[in-house]
N, C-alpha and C. Protein backbone atom coordinates (compact mmCIF):
# COMPACT_ATOMS: atom_id res chain seq x y z
N MET A 1 115.30 85.42 102.19
CA MET A 1 115.86 84.52 101.45
C MET A 1 117.40 84.59 101.61
N GLU A 2 117.73 85.91 101.86
CA GLU A 2 119.30 86.24 101.93
C GLU A 2 119.77 85.52 103.34
N ASN A 3 118.91 85.53 104.28
CA ASN A 3 119.24 84.94 105.54
C ASN A 3 119.37 83.36 105.39
N PHE A 4 118.59 82.90 104.66
CA PHE A 4 118.67 81.27 104.43
C PHE A 4 119.96 81.01 103.71
N ILE A 5 120.39 81.84 102.68
CA ILE A 5 121.70 81.47 101.98
C ILE A 5 122.86 81.77 102.75
N ILE A 6 122.76 82.81 103.72
CA ILE A 6 123.91 83.03 104.62
C ILE A 6 123.97 81.92 105.67
N PHE A 7 122.85 81.50 106.16
CA PHE A 7 122.78 80.22 107.08
C PHE A 7 123.34 79.02 106.35
N PHE A 8 122.81 78.65 105.26
CA PHE A 8 123.05 77.56 104.54
C PHE A 8 124.61 77.54 104.24
N ASN A 9 125.24 78.71 103.88
CA ASN A 9 126.63 78.67 103.48
C ASN A 9 127.44 78.34 104.81
N SER A 10 127.05 79.03 105.92
CA SER A 10 127.71 78.72 107.17
C SER A 10 127.53 77.24 107.59
N PHE A 11 126.31 76.89 107.46
CA PHE A 11 126.17 75.43 107.75
C PHE A 11 127.01 74.43 107.00
N PHE A 12 127.06 74.76 105.69
CA PHE A 12 127.79 73.82 104.74
C PHE A 12 129.05 73.98 104.97
N ASN A 13 129.63 75.03 105.34
CA ASN A 13 131.08 75.35 105.81
C ASN A 13 131.61 74.51 106.96
N TYR A 14 130.74 74.40 108.09
CA TYR A 14 130.96 73.59 109.00
C TYR A 14 131.01 72.06 108.84
N ILE A 15 130.01 71.66 107.85
CA ILE A 15 129.99 70.24 107.47
C ILE A 15 131.28 69.82 106.85
N VAL A 16 131.67 70.68 105.86
CA VAL A 16 132.86 70.32 105.09
C VAL A 16 133.95 70.30 106.11
N LEU A 17 134.20 71.07 106.95
CA LEU A 17 135.31 71.18 107.99
C LEU A 17 135.13 69.83 108.92
N LEU A 18 133.98 69.47 109.19
CA LEU A 18 133.79 68.25 109.97
C LEU A 18 134.26 67.17 109.16
N LEU A 19 133.73 66.95 107.86
CA LEU A 19 134.18 65.87 107.05
C LEU A 19 135.76 65.99 106.83
N CYS A 20 136.40 67.11 106.82
CA CYS A 20 137.71 66.98 106.68
C CYS A 20 138.56 66.45 107.98
N PHE A 21 138.02 66.91 109.27
CA PHE A 21 138.61 66.15 110.52
C PHE A 21 138.32 64.73 110.48
N VAL A 22 137.11 64.29 110.04
CA VAL A 22 136.80 62.88 110.02
C VAL A 22 137.75 62.12 109.15
N ALA A 23 138.13 62.72 107.92
CA ALA A 23 138.80 62.07 107.03
C ALA A 23 140.21 61.86 107.55
N VAL A 24 140.81 62.96 108.24
CA VAL A 24 142.13 62.96 108.62
C VAL A 24 142.26 62.10 109.83
N GLY A 25 141.32 61.91 110.68
CA GLY A 25 141.25 60.98 111.67
C GLY A 25 141.07 59.61 111.31
N ALA A 26 140.40 59.16 110.21
CA ALA A 26 140.19 57.95 109.69
C ALA A 26 141.63 57.42 109.03
N ILE A 27 142.22 58.51 108.39
CA ILE A 27 143.49 58.08 107.78
C ILE A 27 144.39 57.94 108.82
N GLY A 28 144.45 58.63 109.80
CA GLY A 28 145.40 58.33 110.83
C GLY A 28 145.28 57.03 111.59
N GLY A 29 143.93 56.73 111.87
CA GLY A 29 143.60 55.42 112.38
C GLY A 29 143.93 54.21 111.45
N ILE A 30 143.98 54.37 110.23
CA ILE A 30 144.23 53.26 109.29
C ILE A 30 145.76 53.24 109.27
N VAL A 31 146.42 54.22 109.08
CA VAL A 31 147.90 54.12 109.03
C VAL A 31 148.43 53.59 110.45
N GLY A 32 147.91 54.05 111.59
CA GLY A 32 148.27 53.51 112.91
C GLY A 32 148.18 51.95 113.10
N ALA A 33 147.06 51.60 112.57
CA ALA A 33 146.68 50.05 112.64
C ALA A 33 147.63 49.33 111.60
N ILE A 34 147.89 49.86 110.66
CA ILE A 34 148.96 49.24 109.68
C ILE A 34 150.20 49.09 110.28
N MET A 35 150.75 50.14 110.94
CA MET A 35 152.10 50.13 111.32
C MET A 35 152.08 49.34 112.69
N ALA A 36 151.11 49.27 113.55
CA ALA A 36 151.10 48.41 114.57
C ALA A 36 151.23 46.91 114.14
N LYS A 37 150.41 46.38 113.20
CA LYS A 37 150.49 45.14 112.68
C LYS A 37 151.91 44.84 112.29
N LYS A 38 152.56 45.77 111.52
CA LYS A 38 153.89 45.55 110.87
C LYS A 38 154.89 45.40 112.26
N LYS A 39 154.80 46.13 113.33
CA LYS A 39 155.49 46.19 114.53
C LYS A 39 155.41 44.71 115.19
N VAL A 40 154.05 44.22 115.32
CA VAL A 40 153.73 43.03 115.93
C VAL A 40 154.37 41.87 115.10
N ALA A 41 154.37 41.95 113.73
CA ALA A 41 154.94 41.03 113.00
C ALA A 41 156.48 40.98 113.07
N LYS A 42 157.07 42.03 113.14
CA LYS A 42 158.41 42.25 113.22
C LYS A 42 158.88 41.57 114.62
N ASN A 43 158.24 41.98 115.72
CA ASN A 43 158.61 41.45 117.04
C ASN A 43 158.44 40.00 117.00
N ALA A 44 157.35 39.53 116.54
CA ALA A 44 157.14 37.86 116.34
C ALA A 44 158.37 37.26 115.82
N GLY A 45 158.85 37.97 114.55
CA GLY A 45 159.93 37.25 113.89
C GLY A 45 161.19 37.35 114.58
N GLU A 46 161.37 38.41 115.38
CA GLU A 46 162.62 38.58 116.08
C GLU A 46 162.56 37.45 117.33
N GLU A 47 161.43 37.23 117.87
CA GLU A 47 161.31 36.37 118.98
C GLU A 47 161.58 34.93 118.45
N THR A 48 161.06 34.56 117.28
CA THR A 48 161.43 33.04 116.78
C THR A 48 162.90 33.00 116.41
N ASP A 49 163.53 34.12 115.96
CA ASP A 49 164.95 34.11 115.73
C ASP A 49 165.74 33.86 117.04
N LYS A 50 165.34 34.57 118.09
CA LYS A 50 166.03 34.43 119.31
C LYS A 50 165.90 33.04 119.87
N LYS A 51 164.65 32.47 119.69
CA LYS A 51 164.46 31.11 120.09
C LYS A 51 165.25 29.99 119.36
N ASP A 52 165.57 30.20 118.14
CA ASP A 52 166.43 29.31 117.33
C ASP A 52 167.61 29.37 117.61
N THR A 53 168.24 30.52 118.14
CA THR A 53 169.74 30.64 118.41
C THR A 53 169.99 30.22 119.87
N ASP A 54 168.99 30.13 120.68
CA ASP A 54 169.05 29.55 122.07
C ASP A 54 169.23 28.19 121.96
N LYS A 55 168.86 27.50 121.04
CA LYS A 55 169.09 26.01 120.97
C LYS A 55 170.31 25.50 121.22
């Protein structure tokens, strides 16, 4: 029984560590996507301003 408790503790520790890595990766992906959308919108706004001043 003692070996099972040690195994379960080790297994649970790795599962929690994996979930932490997944959470950090997901947060990074979400923040990156939001920043990319803002950059695209900003660049699109600058292009329309340049087109208006060229006329």
